[in-house]
Amino acid sequence: MIRNIKHIGNSYTFVFVDKNSNTLTNFKIKDFGAYQLYNVCAAISTTSVLGINQAEIHEILENFSPKLGRFEEIKLSDKTIIINLVKNPVSLSETLYTISNDNSNKVIVLILNDNYADGRDVSWIWDADFDIISSLKNLTKVYCGGKRKEEILLRLKYTSFRLENCYLIDLRRDIKNILAHNVEKIYFLPTYTALFETRKIILETIQRRK
């Protein structure tokens, strides 16, 4: 189990205790969602059973960077692009909660599809804690894309975030303008079938700029 969890800057520190009450201390990971600590706990448990050296476990965790749309970071000149998959109320709420710890100047791009793999019923967005958006510091704009972008915009209407700062977009058409924003962070939050298309559009646009 994990104890003494502390959020410091953009990292979490914690203590791990195994079933034999052996304590492994001073673990540190980057903040890519408090909910990911469940996965970290499972990983440490497995490596401990396998007899992997504690120092090596520390090093791996401290240098771990998420990939392929799981709080994946892409650098673009003076800003950071962050892509994270959201596919249900919990994942979206936890993602927004994680973003709430970031005081950087930022914009958010929400991309909602209703393809078969996403689930035809997108009413789940009404169960997500969209009110977090209203309390995010230094959030300048929210963009709504995907096949059900109007539904995202409607959901935002029922928060206290200023609706005039919310925009409907076509990602491929508008990506250049989005990436040109004078902000420190751009968060792309696509649903399942939008993830790889979003990532592809971003990477292709960045490549053309070089």
N, C-alpha and C. Protein backbone atom coordinates (compact mmCIF):
# COMPACT_ATOMS: atom_id res chain seq x y z
N MET A 1 0.83 -1.19 0.00
CA MET A 1 0.00 0.00 0.00
C MET A 1 0.88 1.25 0.00
N ILE A 2 0.27 2.36 -0.34
CA ILE A 2 0.96 3.64 -0.38
C ILE A 2 0.44 4.54 0.73
N ARG A 3 1.36 5.19 1.42
CA ARG A 3 1.00 6.08 2.51
C ARG A 3 1.74 7.41 2.37
N ASN A 4 1.32 8.37 3.19
CA ASN A 4 1.99 9.68 3.27
C ASN A 4 2.18 10.33 1.90
N ILE A 5 1.09 10.34 1.13
CA ILE A 5 1.15 10.93 -0.21
C ILE A 5 1.17 12.45 -0.08
N LYS A 6 2.13 13.07 -0.74
CA LYS A 6 2.24 14.52 -0.73
C LYS A 6 2.41 15.03 -2.16
N HIS A 7 1.67 16.09 -2.47
CA HIS A 7 1.80 16.71 -3.78
C HIS A 7 2.68 17.94 -3.64
N ILE A 8 3.86 17.89 -4.24
CA ILE A 8 4.82 18.98 -4.13
C ILE A 8 5.21 19.42 -5.54
N GLY A 9 4.88 20.67 -5.87
CA GLY A 9 5.18 21.16 -7.22
C GLY A 9 4.44 20.34 -8.26
N ASN A 10 5.18 19.75 -9.18
CA ASN A 10 4.55 18.91 -10.21
C ASN A 10 4.86 17.43 -9.99
N SER A 11 5.04 17.05 -8.71
CA SER A 11 5.38 15.67 -8.38
C SER A 11 4.60 15.18 -7.16
N TYR A 12 4.54 13.86 -7.04
CA TYR A 12 4.02 13.22 -5.84
C TYR A 12 5.15 12.48 -5.14
N THR A 13 5.20 12.59 -3.82
CA THR A 13 6.11 11.75 -3.02
C THR A 13 5.25 10.86 -2.13
N PHE A 14 5.77 9.69 -1.80
CA PHE A 14 4.97 8.76 -1.00
C PHE A 14 5.87 7.68 -0.41
N VAL A 15 5.27 6.93 0.51
CA VAL A 15 5.93 5.78 1.14
C VAL A 15 5.16 4.53 0.74
N PHE A 16 5.88 3.48 0.38
CA PHE A 16 5.26 2.21 0.02
C PHE A 16 5.51 1.18 1.12
N VAL A 17 4.45 0.46 1.51
CA VAL A 17 4.55 -0.57 2.54
C VAL A 17 4.03 -1.88 1.95
N ASP A 18 4.85 -2.94 1.98
CA ASP A 18 4.41 -4.21 1.40
C ASP A 18 3.65 -5.04 2.43
N LYS A 19 3.18 -6.23 2.03
CA LYS A 19 2.33 -7.04 2.89
C LYS A 19 3.07 -7.57 4.12
N ASN A 20 4.40 -7.56 4.08
CA ASN A 20 5.20 -7.98 5.23
C ASN A 20 5.61 -6.80 6.09
N SER A 21 4.97 -5.64 5.83
CA SER A 21 5.23 -4.41 6.57
C SER A 21 6.64 -3.86 6.37
N ASN A 22 7.26 -4.27 5.28
CA ASN A 22 8.54 -3.67 4.91
C ASN A 22 8.27 -2.32 4.25
N THR A 23 8.94 -1.29 4.70
CA THR A 23 8.68 0.06 4.21
C THR A 23 9.75 0.49 3.22
N LEU A 24 9.30 0.92 2.05
CA LEU A 24 10.20 1.48 1.05
C LEU A 24 9.87 2.96 0.97
N THR A 25 10.82 3.82 1.17
CA THR A 25 10.54 5.24 1.34
C THR A 25 11.07 6.10 0.19
N ASN A 26 10.69 7.35 0.27
CA ASN A 26 11.22 8.41 -0.61
C ASN A 26 10.95 8.17 -2.09
N PHE A 27 9.80 7.62 -2.42
CA PHE A 27 9.43 7.48 -3.82
C PHE A 27 8.93 8.82 -4.35
N LYS A 28 9.20 9.05 -5.62
CA LYS A 28 8.78 10.30 -6.24
C LYS A 28 8.42 10.03 -7.69
N ILE A 29 7.26 10.56 -8.12
CA ILE A 29 6.85 10.44 -9.52
C ILE A 29 6.31 11.78 -9.99
N LYS A 30 6.36 11.99 -11.29
CA LYS A 30 5.77 13.19 -11.87
C LYS A 30 4.26 13.13 -11.70
N ASP A 31 3.64 14.30 -11.64
CA ASP A 31 2.19 14.38 -11.49
C ASP A 31 1.53 14.18 -12.85
N PHE A 32 1.06 12.96 -13.10
CA PHE A 32 0.25 12.70 -14.28
C PHE A 32 -1.07 12.07 -13.85
N GLY A 33 -1.58 12.59 -12.70
CA GLY A 33 -2.87 12.14 -12.20
C GLY A 33 -2.74 11.34 -10.93
N ALA A 34 -3.41 11.80 -9.87
CA ALA A 34 -3.35 11.09 -8.59
C ALA A 34 -3.87 9.66 -8.73
N TYR A 35 -4.83 9.46 -9.64
CA TYR A 35 -5.39 8.12 -9.84
C TYR A 35 -4.36 7.13 -10.35
N GLN A 36 -3.28 7.64 -10.96
CA GLN A 36 -2.23 6.75 -11.46
C GLN A 36 -1.42 6.11 -10.34
N LEU A 37 -1.60 6.62 -9.13
CA LEU A 37 -0.89 6.02 -7.99
C LEU A 37 -1.32 4.57 -7.76
N TYR A 38 -2.55 4.22 -8.18
CA TYR A 38 -2.97 2.82 -8.10
C TYR A 38 -2.08 1.95 -8.98
N ASN A 39 -1.82 2.42 -10.20
CA ASN A 39 -0.95 1.68 -11.11
C ASN A 39 0.48 1.62 -10.59
N VAL A 40 0.94 2.72 -10.00
CA VAL A 40 2.29 2.77 -9.44
C VAL A 40 2.42 1.77 -8.31
N CYS A 41 1.39 1.70 -7.46
CA CYS A 41 1.41 0.75 -6.34
C CYS A 41 1.52 -0.69 -6.85
N ALA A 42 0.76 -1.00 -7.90
CA ALA A 42 0.82 -2.34 -8.49
C ALA A 42 2.19 -2.63 -9.08
N ALA A 43 2.78 -1.62 -9.73
CA ALA A 43 4.10 -1.81 -10.35
C ALA A 43 5.17 -2.06 -9.29
N ILE A 44 5.14 -1.28 -8.20
CA ILE A 44 6.13 -1.47 -7.14
C ILE A 44 5.96 -2.84 -6.50
N SER A 45 4.71 -3.25 -6.29
CA SER A 45 4.45 -4.58 -5.70
C SER A 45 5.06 -5.67 -6.56
N THR A 46 4.85 -5.57 -7.87
CA THR A 46 5.37 -6.59 -8.78
C THR A 46 6.89 -6.61 -8.79
N THR A 47 7.51 -5.44 -8.88
CA THR A 47 8.97 -5.39 -8.93
C THR A 47 9.58 -5.85 -7.61
N SER A 48 8.89 -5.60 -6.51
CA SER A 48 9.40 -6.05 -5.20
C SER A 48 9.38 -7.57 -5.11
N VAL A 49 8.29 -8.17 -5.60
CA VAL A 49 8.19 -9.64 -5.59
C VAL A 49 9.27 -10.25 -6.48
N LEU A 50 9.57 -9.58 -7.58
CA LEU A 50 10.58 -10.08 -8.51
C LEU A 50 12.01 -9.85 -8.01
N GLY A 51 12.13 -9.13 -6.91
CA GLY A 51 13.44 -8.91 -6.32
C GLY A 51 14.27 -7.85 -6.99
N ILE A 52 13.63 -6.93 -7.70
CA ILE A 52 14.36 -5.85 -8.34
C ILE A 52 14.88 -4.87 -7.30
N ASN A 53 16.09 -4.42 -7.50
CA ASN A 53 16.76 -3.53 -6.55
C ASN A 53 15.94 -2.26 -6.31
N GLN A 54 15.82 -1.85 -5.03
CA GLN A 54 15.01 -0.69 -4.68
C GLN A 54 15.52 0.58 -5.35
N ALA A 55 16.83 0.74 -5.43
CA ALA A 55 17.40 1.94 -6.07
C ALA A 55 16.99 2.01 -7.53
N GLU A 56 16.92 0.85 -8.19
CA GLU A 56 16.52 0.82 -9.60
C GLU A 56 15.05 1.19 -9.75
N ILE A 57 14.23 0.72 -8.80
CA ILE A 57 12.79 1.07 -8.84
C ILE A 57 12.63 2.58 -8.69
N HIS A 58 13.37 3.18 -7.75
CA HIS A 58 13.32 4.62 -7.57
C HIS A 58 13.68 5.36 -8.86
N GLU A 59 14.74 4.93 -9.49
CA GLU A 59 15.22 5.61 -10.69
C GLU A 59 14.21 5.52 -11.82
N ILE A 60 13.62 4.33 -12.00
CA ILE A 60 12.64 4.14 -13.07
C ILE A 60 11.42 5.04 -12.86
N LEU A 61 10.91 5.07 -11.63
CA LEU A 61 9.73 5.87 -11.35
C LEU A 61 9.99 7.36 -11.51
N GLU A 62 11.12 7.81 -11.03
CA GLU A 62 11.42 9.25 -11.09
C GLU A 62 11.63 9.73 -12.52
N ASN A 63 12.04 8.82 -13.41
CA ASN A 63 12.32 9.22 -14.80
C ASN A 63 11.25 8.77 -15.78
N PHE A 64 10.17 8.21 -15.23
CA PHE A 64 9.11 7.71 -16.09
C PHE A 64 8.32 8.86 -16.73
N SER A 65 8.09 8.74 -18.04
CA SER A 65 7.27 9.71 -18.76
C SER A 65 6.16 8.96 -19.50
N PRO A 66 4.90 9.34 -19.29
CA PRO A 66 3.79 8.66 -19.97
C PRO A 66 3.88 8.81 -21.49
N LYS A 67 3.33 7.83 -22.19
CA LYS A 67 3.37 7.83 -23.65
C LYS A 67 1.98 7.63 -24.24
N LEU A 68 1.88 7.87 -25.53
CA LEU A 68 0.71 7.55 -26.34
C LEU A 68 -0.61 8.00 -25.71
N GLY A 69 -0.68 9.29 -25.40
CA GLY A 69 -1.94 9.86 -25.00
C GLY A 69 -2.34 9.65 -23.57
N ARG A 70 -1.39 9.26 -22.73
CA ARG A 70 -1.66 9.15 -21.30
C ARG A 70 -0.83 10.21 -20.58
N PHE A 71 -1.32 11.43 -20.60
CA PHE A 71 -0.56 12.59 -20.14
C PHE A 71 0.78 12.68 -20.86
N GLU A 72 0.74 12.35 -22.13
CA GLU A 72 1.92 12.44 -22.99
C GLU A 72 2.28 13.91 -23.22
N GLU A 73 3.55 14.24 -23.10
CA GLU A 73 4.01 15.61 -23.30
C GLU A 73 4.79 15.73 -24.61
N ILE A 74 4.47 16.76 -25.37
CA ILE A 74 5.17 17.07 -26.61
C ILE A 74 5.63 18.51 -26.53
N LYS A 75 6.90 18.74 -26.72
CA LYS A 75 7.45 20.10 -26.64
C LYS A 75 7.30 20.81 -27.98
N LEU A 76 6.89 22.07 -27.90
CA LEU A 76 6.77 22.90 -29.09
C LEU A 76 7.29 24.28 -28.74
N SER A 77 8.53 24.57 -29.15
CA SER A 77 9.21 25.83 -28.84
C SER A 77 9.06 26.18 -27.37
N ASP A 78 8.27 27.19 -27.05
CA ASP A 78 8.19 27.66 -25.67
C ASP A 78 6.97 27.15 -24.93
N LYS A 79 6.30 26.14 -25.47
CA LYS A 79 5.11 25.61 -24.81
C LYS A 79 5.13 24.09 -24.77
N THR A 80 4.27 23.54 -23.94
CA THR A 80 4.15 22.09 -23.83
C THR A 80 2.74 21.66 -24.21
N ILE A 81 2.65 20.68 -25.08
CA ILE A 81 1.38 20.09 -25.47
C ILE A 81 1.20 18.82 -24.64
N ILE A 82 0.05 18.66 -24.04
CA ILE A 82 -0.23 17.48 -23.22
C ILE A 82 -1.49 16.81 -23.76
N ILE A 83 -1.37 15.52 -24.07
CA ILE A 83 -2.49 14.74 -24.60
C ILE A 83 -2.89 13.69 -23.58
N ASN A 84 -4.16 13.67 -23.21
CA ASN A 84 -4.62 12.64 -22.28
C ASN A 84 -5.99 12.12 -22.68
N LEU A 85 -6.09 10.81 -22.79
CA LEU A 85 -7.34 10.14 -23.13
C LEU A 85 -8.37 10.33 -22.02
N VAL A 86 -9.59 10.70 -22.40
CA VAL A 86 -10.71 10.74 -21.45
C VAL A 86 -11.86 9.96 -22.07
N LYS A 87 -12.42 9.01 -21.34
CA LYS A 87 -13.44 8.14 -21.96
C LYS A 87 -14.62 7.83 -21.05
N ASN A 88 -14.64 8.39 -19.86
CA ASN A 88 -15.76 8.19 -18.96
C ASN A 88 -15.76 9.30 -17.92
N PRO A 89 -16.80 9.42 -17.09
CA PRO A 89 -16.86 10.52 -16.13
C PRO A 89 -15.68 10.58 -15.17
N VAL A 90 -15.20 9.42 -14.73
CA VAL A 90 -14.10 9.40 -13.76
C VAL A 90 -12.81 9.89 -14.40
N SER A 91 -12.50 9.38 -15.59
CA SER A 91 -11.23 9.77 -16.22
C SER A 91 -11.23 11.25 -16.56
N LEU A 92 -12.36 11.79 -17.01
CA LEU A 92 -12.42 13.22 -17.33
C LEU A 92 -12.33 14.06 -16.06
N SER A 93 -13.06 13.67 -15.02
CA SER A 93 -13.03 14.42 -13.76
C SER A 93 -11.63 14.41 -13.15
N GLU A 94 -10.99 13.24 -13.15
CA GLU A 94 -9.65 13.14 -12.57
C GLU A 94 -8.63 13.91 -13.39
N THR A 95 -8.81 13.93 -14.71
CA THR A 95 -7.91 14.70 -15.56
C THR A 95 -8.04 16.19 -15.26
N LEU A 96 -9.27 16.67 -15.15
CA LEU A 96 -9.49 18.08 -14.83
C LEU A 96 -8.95 18.41 -13.44
N TYR A 97 -9.10 17.48 -12.51
CA TYR A 97 -8.55 17.69 -11.17
C TYR A 97 -7.03 17.82 -11.24
N THR A 98 -6.40 16.98 -12.04
CA THR A 98 -4.95 17.05 -12.19
C THR A 98 -4.54 18.38 -12.80
N ILE A 99 -5.27 18.83 -13.80
CA ILE A 99 -4.98 20.13 -14.42
C ILE A 99 -5.14 21.26 -13.41
N SER A 100 -6.02 21.08 -12.43
CA SER A 100 -6.24 22.13 -11.43
C SER A 100 -5.01 22.40 -10.58
N ASN A 101 -4.07 21.46 -10.58
CA ASN A 101 -2.81 21.66 -9.86
C ASN A 101 -1.77 22.43 -10.67
N ASP A 102 -2.13 22.75 -11.91
CA ASP A 102 -1.21 23.42 -12.82
C ASP A 102 -1.61 24.90 -12.93
N ASN A 103 -0.75 25.78 -12.48
CA ASN A 103 -1.03 27.21 -12.52
C ASN A 103 -0.54 27.90 -13.79
N SER A 104 -0.05 27.12 -14.74
CA SER A 104 0.45 27.69 -15.98
C SER A 104 -0.67 28.34 -16.79
N ASN A 105 -0.31 29.30 -17.65
CA ASN A 105 -1.25 29.81 -18.63
C ASN A 105 -1.56 28.69 -19.62
N LYS A 106 -2.85 28.47 -19.89
CA LYS A 106 -3.19 27.28 -20.66
C LYS A 106 -4.51 27.44 -21.42
N VAL A 107 -4.70 26.57 -22.40
CA VAL A 107 -5.98 26.36 -23.05
C VAL A 107 -6.27 24.86 -23.01
N ILE A 108 -7.54 24.52 -23.12
CA ILE A 108 -7.96 23.12 -23.12
C ILE A 108 -8.73 22.84 -24.39
N VAL A 109 -8.45 21.71 -25.01
CA VAL A 109 -9.17 21.26 -26.20
C VAL A 109 -9.85 19.94 -25.88
N LEU A 110 -11.19 19.97 -25.80
CA LEU A 110 -11.99 18.77 -25.52
C LEU A 110 -12.52 18.21 -26.83
N ILE A 111 -12.28 16.92 -27.08
CA ILE A 111 -12.68 16.31 -28.35
C ILE A 111 -13.54 15.09 -28.06
N LEU A 112 -14.81 15.19 -28.43
CA LEU A 112 -15.79 14.15 -28.09
C LEU A 112 -16.33 13.48 -29.34
N ASN A 113 -16.12 12.17 -29.45
CA ASN A 113 -16.70 11.36 -30.52
C ASN A 113 -17.74 10.41 -29.95
N ASP A 114 -18.61 9.93 -30.82
CA ASP A 114 -19.60 8.93 -30.39
C ASP A 114 -19.58 7.72 -31.32
N ASN A 115 -18.38 7.38 -31.79
CA ASN A 115 -18.25 6.17 -32.60
C ASN A 115 -18.51 4.93 -31.74
N TYR A 116 -18.62 3.78 -32.40
CA TYR A 116 -18.97 2.55 -31.68
C TYR A 116 -18.04 2.30 -30.49
N ALA A 117 -16.72 2.46 -30.71
CA ALA A 117 -15.75 2.17 -29.65
C ALA A 117 -15.80 3.18 -28.52
N ASP A 118 -16.36 4.37 -28.79
CA ASP A 118 -16.50 5.37 -27.73
C ASP A 118 -17.74 5.12 -26.89
N GLY A 119 -18.76 4.52 -27.53
CA GLY A 119 -20.10 4.43 -26.95
C GLY A 119 -20.97 5.48 -27.60
N ARG A 120 -22.09 5.05 -28.11
CA ARG A 120 -22.99 5.98 -28.81
C ARG A 120 -23.59 7.02 -27.87
N ASP A 121 -23.78 6.64 -26.63
CA ASP A 121 -24.41 7.53 -25.65
C ASP A 121 -23.34 8.39 -24.99
N VAL A 122 -23.38 9.69 -25.26
CA VAL A 122 -22.37 10.60 -24.68
C VAL A 122 -22.90 11.34 -23.46
N SER A 123 -24.03 10.89 -22.93
CA SER A 123 -24.59 11.56 -21.76
C SER A 123 -23.68 11.47 -20.54
N TRP A 124 -22.66 10.61 -20.62
CA TRP A 124 -21.73 10.46 -19.49
C TRP A 124 -21.02 11.76 -19.17
N ILE A 125 -20.91 12.66 -20.13
CA ILE A 125 -20.20 13.92 -19.85
C ILE A 125 -20.94 14.75 -18.80
N TRP A 126 -22.24 14.51 -18.65
CA TRP A 126 -23.00 15.26 -17.65
C TRP A 126 -22.71 14.76 -16.24
N ASP A 127 -22.11 13.59 -16.13
CA ASP A 127 -21.72 13.05 -14.82
C ASP A 127 -20.30 13.44 -14.44
N ALA A 128 -19.55 13.97 -15.40
CA ALA A 128 -18.18 14.43 -15.11
C ALA A 128 -18.24 15.78 -14.40
N ASP A 129 -17.23 16.04 -13.58
CA ASP A 129 -17.22 17.27 -12.77
C ASP A 129 -16.67 18.44 -13.59
N PHE A 130 -17.49 18.95 -14.48
CA PHE A 130 -17.10 20.07 -15.33
C PHE A 130 -16.92 21.36 -14.55
N ASP A 131 -17.47 21.42 -13.35
CA ASP A 131 -17.32 22.65 -12.55
C ASP A 131 -15.86 22.93 -12.21
N ILE A 132 -15.03 21.90 -12.27
CA ILE A 132 -13.60 22.11 -12.03
C ILE A 132 -13.05 23.12 -13.02
N ILE A 133 -13.57 23.09 -14.26
CA ILE A 133 -13.09 24.01 -15.29
C ILE A 133 -13.25 25.46 -14.84
N SER A 134 -14.33 25.74 -14.15
CA SER A 134 -14.60 27.11 -13.71
C SER A 134 -13.57 27.62 -12.71
N SER A 135 -12.92 26.70 -12.00
CA SER A 135 -11.96 27.10 -10.97
C SER A 135 -10.51 27.01 -11.42
N LEU A 136 -10.28 26.59 -12.67
CA LEU A 136 -8.90 26.45 -13.14
C LEU A 136 -8.23 27.81 -13.26
N LYS A 137 -7.04 27.90 -12.74
CA LYS A 137 -6.30 29.16 -12.79
C LYS A 137 -5.63 29.33 -14.16
N ASN A 138 -5.69 30.57 -14.66
CA ASN A 138 -4.99 30.94 -15.90
C ASN A 138 -5.44 30.14 -17.11
N LEU A 139 -6.70 29.72 -17.10
CA LEU A 139 -7.28 29.07 -18.28
C LEU A 139 -7.91 30.16 -19.14
N THR A 140 -7.43 30.31 -20.37
CA THR A 140 -7.90 31.41 -21.21
C THR A 140 -9.05 31.01 -22.13
N LYS A 141 -8.97 29.80 -22.70
CA LYS A 141 -10.00 29.37 -23.64
C LYS A 141 -10.23 27.86 -23.53
N VAL A 142 -11.43 27.45 -23.93
CA VAL A 142 -11.74 26.03 -24.05
C VAL A 142 -12.29 25.80 -25.45
N TYR A 143 -11.68 24.86 -26.17
CA TYR A 143 -12.12 24.52 -27.52
C TYR A 143 -12.86 23.19 -27.50
N CYS A 144 -13.89 23.09 -28.32
CA CYS A 144 -14.72 21.88 -28.37
C CYS A 144 -14.67 21.31 -29.78
N GLY A 145 -14.20 20.08 -29.90
CA GLY A 145 -14.08 19.44 -31.19
C GLY A 145 -14.66 18.04 -31.19
N GLY A 146 -14.58 17.37 -32.32
CA GLY A 146 -15.10 16.01 -32.43
C GLY A 146 -16.52 15.98 -32.99
N LYS A 147 -17.04 14.78 -33.19
CA LYS A 147 -18.36 14.60 -33.78
C LYS A 147 -19.48 15.16 -32.91
N ARG A 148 -19.26 15.21 -31.60
CA ARG A 148 -20.29 15.72 -30.69
C ARG A 148 -19.83 16.98 -29.96
N LYS A 149 -19.15 17.83 -30.69
CA LYS A 149 -18.60 19.04 -30.08
C LYS A 149 -19.68 19.96 -29.52
N GLU A 150 -20.84 19.98 -30.16
CA GLU A 150 -21.92 20.83 -29.67
C GLU A 150 -22.38 20.39 -28.28
N GLU A 151 -22.31 19.09 -28.03
CA GLU A 151 -22.71 18.57 -26.72
C GLU A 151 -21.74 19.04 -25.64
N ILE A 152 -20.45 19.09 -25.98
CA ILE A 152 -19.46 19.61 -25.03
C ILE A 152 -19.73 21.08 -24.74
N LEU A 153 -20.02 21.84 -25.78
CA LEU A 153 -20.30 23.26 -25.58
C LEU A 153 -21.54 23.46 -24.70
N LEU A 154 -22.56 22.64 -24.93
CA LEU A 154 -23.76 22.72 -24.10
C LEU A 154 -23.44 22.40 -22.65
N ARG A 155 -22.60 21.40 -22.45
CA ARG A 155 -22.23 21.03 -21.07
C ARG A 155 -21.48 22.18 -20.40
N LEU A 156 -20.63 22.86 -21.13
CA LEU A 156 -19.89 24.00 -20.57
C LEU A 156 -20.82 25.15 -20.21
N LYS A 157 -21.94 25.25 -20.92
CA LYS A 157 -22.91 26.31 -20.64
C LYS A 157 -23.42 26.21 -19.21
N TYR A 158 -23.44 24.99 -18.66
CA TYR A 158 -23.97 24.78 -17.31
C TYR A 158 -22.88 24.81 -16.24
N THR A 159 -21.76 25.44 -16.56
CA THR A 159 -20.73 25.75 -15.58
C THR A 159 -20.67 27.28 -15.48
N SER A 160 -19.84 27.77 -14.60
CA SER A 160 -19.69 29.23 -14.49
C SER A 160 -18.53 29.76 -15.31
N PHE A 161 -17.91 28.87 -16.13
CA PHE A 161 -16.87 29.34 -17.03
C PHE A 161 -17.51 30.20 -18.10
N ARG A 162 -16.85 31.28 -18.49
CA ARG A 162 -17.42 32.24 -19.43
C ARG A 162 -17.60 31.59 -20.81
N LEU A 163 -18.84 31.52 -21.25
CA LEU A 163 -19.15 30.82 -22.49
C LEU A 163 -18.54 31.51 -23.70
N GLU A 164 -18.30 32.82 -23.60
CA GLU A 164 -17.70 33.52 -24.74
C GLU A 164 -16.24 33.12 -24.94
N ASN A 165 -15.67 32.39 -23.98
CA ASN A 165 -14.30 31.89 -24.11
C ASN A 165 -14.28 30.42 -24.54
N CYS A 166 -15.43 29.92 -25.00
CA CYS A 166 -15.53 28.54 -25.47
C CYS A 166 -15.83 28.57 -26.97
N TYR A 167 -15.18 27.71 -27.75
CA TYR A 167 -15.28 27.78 -29.20
C TYR A 167 -15.44 26.38 -29.81
N LEU A 168 -16.29 26.29 -30.82
CA LEU A 168 -16.41 25.08 -31.61
C LEU A 168 -15.32 25.08 -32.68
N ILE A 169 -14.67 23.94 -32.87
CA ILE A 169 -13.57 23.87 -33.83
C ILE A 169 -13.65 22.63 -34.70
N ASP A 170 -12.98 22.69 -35.82
CA ASP A 170 -12.59 21.52 -36.59
C ASP A 170 -11.09 21.38 -36.38
N LEU A 171 -10.66 20.32 -35.74
CA LEU A 171 -9.27 20.22 -35.30
C LEU A 171 -8.28 20.35 -36.44
N ARG A 172 -8.51 19.64 -37.53
CA ARG A 172 -7.55 19.70 -38.63
C ARG A 172 -7.47 21.10 -39.24
N ARG A 173 -8.62 21.76 -39.33
CA ARG A 173 -8.65 23.10 -39.90
C ARG A 173 -8.04 24.14 -38.96
N ASP A 174 -8.27 23.98 -37.66
CA ASP A 174 -7.91 25.03 -36.70
C ASP A 174 -6.65 24.74 -35.88
N ILE A 175 -5.99 23.63 -36.15
CA ILE A 175 -4.87 23.23 -35.30
C ILE A 175 -3.74 24.26 -35.29
N LYS A 176 -3.46 24.89 -36.42
CA LYS A 176 -2.37 25.86 -36.47
C LYS A 176 -2.64 27.03 -35.51
N ASN A 177 -3.86 27.52 -35.52
CA ASN A 177 -4.21 28.63 -34.64
C ASN A 177 -4.16 28.23 -33.17
N ILE A 178 -4.58 27.01 -32.89
CA ILE A 178 -4.55 26.53 -31.50
C ILE A 178 -3.12 26.42 -31.00
N LEU A 179 -2.24 25.84 -31.81
CA LEU A 179 -0.85 25.67 -31.41
C LEU A 179 -0.10 27.00 -31.34
N ALA A 180 -0.64 28.02 -32.00
CA ALA A 180 0.02 29.33 -32.00
C ALA A 180 -0.31 30.16 -30.77
N HIS A 181 -1.18 29.67 -29.90
CA HIS A 181 -1.57 30.42 -28.71
C HIS A 181 -0.35 30.77 -27.86
N ASN A 182 -0.36 31.97 -27.32
CA ASN A 182 0.72 32.42 -26.44
C ASN A 182 0.45 31.96 -25.01
N VAL A 183 0.60 30.66 -24.80
CA VAL A 183 0.38 30.05 -23.49
C VAL A 183 1.53 29.09 -23.20
N GLU A 184 1.57 28.62 -21.96
CA GLU A 184 2.61 27.66 -21.58
C GLU A 184 2.20 26.22 -21.84
N LYS A 185 0.89 25.94 -21.71
CA LYS A 185 0.41 24.57 -21.85
C LYS A 185 -0.83 24.54 -22.74
N ILE A 186 -0.92 23.51 -23.57
CA ILE A 186 -2.14 23.23 -24.32
C ILE A 186 -2.53 21.79 -24.01
N TYR A 187 -3.68 21.63 -23.38
CA TYR A 187 -4.17 20.30 -23.01
C TYR A 187 -5.18 19.81 -24.05
N PHE A 188 -4.89 18.68 -24.67
CA PHE A 188 -5.82 18.03 -25.58
C PHE A 188 -6.42 16.83 -24.86
N LEU A 189 -7.75 16.81 -24.74
CA LEU A 189 -8.43 15.73 -24.01
C LEU A 189 -9.41 15.04 -24.96
N PRO A 190 -8.94 14.07 -25.74
CA PRO A 190 -9.80 13.37 -26.70
C PRO A 190 -10.40 12.10 -26.12
N THR A 191 -11.56 11.71 -26.66
CA THR A 191 -12.10 10.41 -26.33
C THR A 191 -11.40 9.34 -27.18
N TYR A 192 -11.80 8.09 -26.97
CA TYR A 192 -11.02 6.96 -27.47
C TYR A 192 -10.71 7.02 -28.96
N THR A 193 -11.73 7.14 -29.82
CA THR A 193 -11.46 7.09 -31.25
C THR A 193 -10.85 8.38 -31.78
N ALA A 194 -10.85 9.43 -30.97
CA ALA A 194 -10.23 10.70 -31.38
C ALA A 194 -8.76 10.77 -30.99
N LEU A 195 -8.32 9.87 -30.12
CA LEU A 195 -6.97 9.98 -29.56
C LEU A 195 -5.88 9.96 -30.62
N PHE A 196 -5.82 8.91 -31.42
CA PHE A 196 -4.70 8.77 -32.35
C PHE A 196 -4.80 9.75 -33.51
N GLU A 197 -6.01 10.11 -33.90
CA GLU A 197 -6.17 11.12 -34.94
C GLU A 197 -5.68 12.48 -34.42
N THR A 198 -6.04 12.80 -33.19
CA THR A 198 -5.59 14.06 -32.58
C THR A 198 -4.07 14.10 -32.51
N ARG A 199 -3.50 13.03 -32.05
CA ARG A 199 -2.04 12.95 -31.91
C ARG A 199 -1.37 13.08 -33.28
N LYS A 200 -1.93 12.42 -34.28
CA LYS A 200 -1.37 12.48 -35.63
C LYS A 200 -1.42 13.89 -36.18
N ILE A 201 -2.54 14.57 -36.02
CA ILE A 201 -2.69 15.95 -36.52
C ILE A 201 -1.69 16.88 -35.85
N ILE A 202 -1.52 16.73 -34.54
CA ILE A 202 -0.57 17.57 -33.81
C ILE A 202 0.86 17.34 -34.31
N LEU A 203 1.26 16.09 -34.41
CA LEU A 203 2.63 15.76 -34.82
C LEU A 203 2.90 16.19 -36.26
N GLU A 204 1.93 15.99 -37.14
CA GLU A 204 2.10 16.41 -38.54
C GLU A 204 2.24 17.93 -38.63
N THR A 205 1.47 18.65 -37.86
CA THR A 205 1.53 20.13 -37.89
C THR A 205 2.87 20.62 -37.37
N ILE A 206 3.34 20.00 -36.29
CA ILE A 206 4.65 20.38 -35.74
C ILE A 206 5.76 20.08 -36.74
N GLN A 207 5.67 18.95 -37.41
CA GLN A 207 6.71 18.57 -38.38
C GLN A 207 6.76 19.56 -39.54
N ARG A 208 5.61 20.02 -39.98
CA ARG A 208 5.57 20.98 -41.09
C ARG A 208 6.14 22.33 -40.70
N ARG A 209 6.11 22.62 -39.40
CA ARG A 209 6.65 23.90 -38.94
C ARG A 209 8.16 23.92 -38.88
N LYS A 210 8.78 22.76 -38.92
CA LYS A 210 10.24 22.68 -38.81
C LYS A 210 10.92 23.05 -40.13
